[in-house]
Amino acid sequence: MTRRERQQLIDQGHLLPLMEEFYTIQGEGYHKGTAAYFVRIGGCDVGCHWCDVKESWLPELHPATETTKIVDNAIKYSDIIVVTGGEPLTWDMGPLTEQLKAKGVQTHIETSGAYKLTGQWDWICLSPKKIKLPTEEIYDKAHELKCIIYNKDDFKFAEEQAAKVNDDCILYLQPEWSKRDKMMPQIVDYVMTNPKWKVSLQTHKYLNIP
């Protein structure tokens, strides 16, 4: 395969930079506590300074893997497949989710929404970032909004984002891990004052699992 042919397959979503894949317990948001198979796709230019998976940013560090292989492996473990990153919508998610849906599994995505929404999704977790805001399209389709609270200014950003999502979208505030001791009391107070919000925790880190 030539470099050009390989790049075409990547652009079409038939090859994806696979950073890692693992079977674990969903630690965050609406589906926390649920067993799921995670597929982490490399590549992200949003560049959050507090990102805990910075090794995912450069796609060239991760092997371009055939979507058929990703699917065949994923369905061995779970009927819930969570695609995360990096920023998975950097790539065309159509081929991957089409094949997953053909196998009868649920498809979930965790995304900043910064790029065009592609793929067939049973659950969309939108976690917007100030650096590169979501596309307008994804606000209408998000099932949950997860806003990361690093400092008190993030509450204002969270409200701005909540005003854009659909009425059925579940709203979560989640402390950035390194700031959890400082920000959690503020989050608790905020949710008690504004009960449309719920608290999300990275429970997998407390459980010391992936």
Protein backbone atom coordinates (compact mmCIF):
# COMPACT_ATOMS: atom_id res chain seq x y z
CA MET A 1 0.00 0.00 0.00
CA THR A 2 1.35 3.39 -0.95
CA ARG A 3 1.40 6.31 1.49
CA ARG A 4 -1.29 8.01 -0.56
CA GLU A 5 -3.54 4.95 -0.50
CA ARG A 6 -3.03 4.61 3.23
CA GLN A 7 -3.94 8.26 3.79
CA GLN A 8 -7.09 7.85 1.71
CA LEU A 9 -8.19 4.97 3.91
CA ILE A 10 -7.55 7.08 7.01
CA ASP A 11 -9.49 10.01 5.55
CA GLN A 12 -12.38 7.66 4.76
CA GLY A 13 -12.41 6.19 8.27
CA HIS A 14 -11.41 2.68 7.21
CA LEU A 15 -8.15 3.04 9.13
CA LEU A 16 -8.06 4.78 12.52
CA PRO A 17 -5.10 5.68 14.77
CA LEU A 18 -5.81 3.25 17.61
CA MET A 19 -4.14 4.29 20.84
CA GLU A 20 -5.59 1.63 23.11
CA GLU A 21 -8.64 -0.54 23.75
CA PHE A 22 -9.76 -2.11 26.99
CA TYR A 23 -12.71 -3.64 28.84
CA THR A 24 -13.57 -1.84 32.06
CA ILE A 25 -16.26 -0.07 34.06
CA GLN A 26 -17.55 3.27 32.78
CA GLY A 27 -16.43 5.70 35.45
CA GLU A 28 -18.19 8.92 34.49
CA GLY A 29 -21.56 10.42 33.68
CA TYR A 30 -24.90 8.72 33.10
CA HIS A 31 -23.56 5.21 32.50
CA LYS A 32 -21.10 5.11 35.40
CA GLY A 33 -20.80 1.67 36.92
CA THR A 34 -21.65 -0.06 33.63
CA ALA A 35 -19.27 -2.54 32.02
CA ALA A 36 -18.15 -1.32 28.58
CA TYR A 37 -15.40 -1.75 26.03
CA PHE A 38 -13.42 1.42 25.38
CA VAL A 39 -11.76 2.25 22.07
CA ARG A 40 -9.40 5.22 22.40
CA ILE A 41 -8.63 6.90 19.10
CA GLY A 42 -5.50 9.04 18.79
CA GLY A 43 -5.47 12.58 17.47
CA CYS A 44 -6.60 15.81 19.12
CA ASP A 45 -5.73 19.46 18.51
CA VAL A 46 -8.06 20.94 21.13
CA GLY A 47 -5.12 20.98 23.54
CA CYS A 48 -6.57 21.27 27.05
CA HIS A 49 -3.67 22.05 29.40
CA TRP A 50 -5.12 19.75 32.08
CA CYS A 51 -5.73 16.80 29.72
CA ASP A 52 -4.82 13.52 31.42
CA VAL A 53 -4.27 11.69 28.12
CA LYS A 54 -1.86 14.03 26.34
CA GLU A 55 -0.19 11.01 24.75
CA SER A 56 -3.30 10.74 22.58
CA TRP A 57 -2.77 14.08 20.87
CA LEU A 58 -0.41 13.03 18.06
CA PRO A 59 -2.12 10.52 15.77
CA GLU A 60 1.11 9.45 14.11
CA LEU A 61 2.21 7.87 17.40
CA HIS A 62 -0.57 5.31 17.16
CA PRO A 63 -0.93 2.53 14.57
CA ALA A 64 -3.43 3.07 11.77
CA THR A 65 -5.71 0.10 12.40
CA GLU A 66 -8.41 -1.38 10.21
CA THR A 67 -11.89 -0.66 11.58
CA THR A 68 -12.85 -4.28 10.89
CA LYS A 69 -10.16 -5.43 13.33
CA ILE A 70 -11.29 -2.92 15.96
CA VAL A 71 -14.88 -4.13 15.63
CA ASP A 72 -14.03 -7.82 15.68
CA ASN A 73 -12.05 -7.40 18.88
CA ALA A 74 -14.52 -5.08 20.63
CA ILE A 75 -17.58 -7.29 20.25
CA LYS A 76 -15.81 -10.15 22.03
CA TYR A 77 -16.08 -8.25 25.29
CA SER A 78 -19.21 -6.13 25.50
CA ASP A 79 -22.39 -4.97 23.81
CA ILE A 80 -21.55 -1.38 24.82
CA ILE A 81 -18.66 0.18 22.92
CA VAL A 82 -17.41 3.58 24.04
CA VAL A 83 -15.34 5.51 21.49
CA THR A 84 -13.16 8.14 23.10
CA GLY A 85 -9.88 9.93 22.51
CA GLY A 86 -8.12 12.10 21.83
CA GLU A 87 -10.91 13.64 19.86
CA PRO A 88 -12.56 10.82 17.88
CA LEU A 89 -14.51 13.20 15.63
CA THR A 90 -11.20 14.28 14.12
CA TRP A 91 -11.87 11.23 11.93
CA ASP A 92 -14.86 9.89 10.01
CA MET A 93 -16.64 7.62 12.48
CA GLY A 94 -19.10 6.35 9.85
CA PRO A 95 -17.39 3.07 8.89
CA LEU A 96 -16.59 2.11 12.49
CA THR A 97 -20.09 2.68 13.85
CA GLU A 98 -21.78 1.18 10.80
CA GLN A 99 -19.91 -2.05 11.41
CA LEU A 100 -20.56 -1.96 15.16
CA LYS A 101 -24.29 -1.40 14.66
CA ALA A 102 -24.36 -4.28 12.18
CA LYS A 103 -23.12 -6.48 15.04
CA GLY A 104 -25.99 -5.32 17.25
CA VAL A 105 -24.00 -3.42 19.86
CA GLN A 106 -24.58 -0.02 21.42
CA THR A 107 -22.30 2.79 20.33
CA HIS A 108 -21.33 5.57 22.72
CA ILE A 109 -19.00 8.49 22.06
CA GLU A 110 -17.17 10.91 24.34
CA THR A 111 -16.34 14.07 22.42
CA SER A 112 -15.63 17.76 22.70
CA GLY A 113 -17.86 18.22 19.67
CA ALA A 114 -15.27 20.41 17.99
CA TYR A 115 -15.62 18.62 14.65
CA LYS A 116 -18.47 17.51 12.42
CA LEU A 117 -20.56 14.76 13.96
CA THR A 118 -20.12 11.54 12.02
CA GLY A 119 -21.23 8.02 12.89
CA GLN A 120 -24.31 6.34 14.31
CA TRP A 121 -24.53 6.85 18.06
CA ASP A 122 -26.83 5.49 20.74
CA TRP A 123 -25.32 7.85 23.31
CA ILE A 124 -23.41 11.10 22.86
CA CYS A 125 -21.50 12.54 25.81
CA LEU A 126 -20.58 16.12 24.91
CA SER A 127 -17.73 17.59 26.94
CA PRO A 128 -17.15 21.05 25.43
CA LYS A 129 -13.90 22.94 25.74
CA LYS A 130 -13.37 26.71 25.68
CA ILE A 131 -10.40 26.42 23.35
CA LYS A 132 -12.42 24.97 20.47
CA LEU A 133 -16.18 25.13 20.86
CA PRO A 134 -18.60 22.45 19.64
CA THR A 135 -20.36 22.63 16.31
CA GLU A 136 -23.98 23.79 16.49
CA GLU A 137 -25.23 20.42 15.23
CA ILE A 138 -24.08 18.38 18.20
CA TYR A 139 -25.89 20.50 20.80
CA ASP A 140 -29.22 19.23 19.47
CA LYS A 141 -28.12 15.59 19.57
CA ALA A 142 -26.15 15.32 22.82
CA HIS A 143 -27.60 12.99 25.44
CA GLU A 144 -25.41 14.32 28.22
CA LEU A 145 -23.38 17.47 28.73
CA LYS A 146 -20.31 17.00 30.89
CA CYS A 147 -18.56 20.21 31.84
CA ILE A 148 -15.18 19.97 33.51
CA ILE A 149 -14.67 22.36 36.42
CA TYR A 150 -11.06 23.46 36.81
CA ASN A 151 -11.74 26.85 38.39
CA LYS A 152 -14.73 28.99 39.35
CA ASP A 153 -14.91 30.62 35.90
CA ASP A 154 -15.89 27.24 34.46
CA PHE A 155 -19.33 27.48 36.08
CA LYS A 156 -20.16 30.38 33.78
CA PHE A 157 -18.93 28.43 30.76
CA ALA A 158 -21.02 25.44 31.85
CA GLU A 159 -24.17 27.57 31.97
CA GLU A 160 -23.42 28.99 28.52
CA GLN A 161 -23.14 25.47 27.16
CA ALA A 162 -26.24 24.24 28.99
CA ALA A 163 -28.25 26.98 27.29
CA LYS A 164 -27.40 25.49 23.90
CA VAL A 165 -28.19 21.80 24.38
CA ASN A 166 -31.58 20.15 23.85
CA ASP A 167 -34.13 19.99 26.67
CA ASP A 168 -33.59 16.27 27.27
CA CYS A 169 -29.82 16.53 27.68
CA ILE A 170 -28.62 15.54 31.17
CA LEU A 171 -26.31 18.12 32.72
CA TYR A 172 -23.16 17.14 34.66
CA LEU A 173 -20.44 19.08 36.43
CA GLN A 174 -17.22 17.14 36.94
CA PRO A 175 -14.14 18.34 38.82
CA GLU A 176 -10.86 18.21 36.98
CA TRP A 177 -8.99 15.44 38.77
CA SER A 178 -6.05 17.49 40.03
CA LYS A 179 -8.44 20.16 41.40
CA ARG A 180 -11.04 17.82 42.89
CA ASP A 181 -10.30 18.63 46.54
CA LYS A 182 -10.53 22.35 45.92
CA MET A 183 -13.43 22.42 43.49
CA MET A 184 -15.70 19.67 44.82
CA PRO A 185 -17.16 21.74 47.68
CA GLN A 186 -17.95 24.50 45.18
CA ILE A 187 -19.54 22.00 42.78
CA VAL A 188 -21.68 20.53 45.55
CA ASP A 189 -22.88 23.98 46.58
CA TYR A 190 -23.55 24.90 42.97
CA VAL A 191 -25.60 21.77 42.26
CA MET A 192 -27.62 22.23 45.45
CA THR A 193 -28.39 25.78 44.37
CA ASN A 194 -28.92 24.81 40.73
CA PRO A 195 -30.47 21.31 40.83
CA LYS A 196 -30.79 21.01 37.06
CA TRP A 197 -27.13 19.93 37.30
CA LYS A 198 -25.79 16.62 38.61
CA VAL A 199 -22.33 15.79 39.97
CA SER A 200 -20.10 13.52 37.90
CA LEU A 201 -16.98 11.95 39.36
CA GLN A 202 -14.16 10.00 37.76
CA THR A 203 -15.07 6.97 39.84
CA HIS A 204 -12.72 4.72 37.89
CA LYS A 205 -9.79 6.67 39.33
CA TYR A 206 -11.08 6.15 42.85
CA LEU A 207 -11.42 2.45 42.02
CA ASN A 208 -7.92 2.42 40.51
CA ILE A 209 -9.06 0.87 37.24
CA PRO A 210 -8.51 2.07 33.63
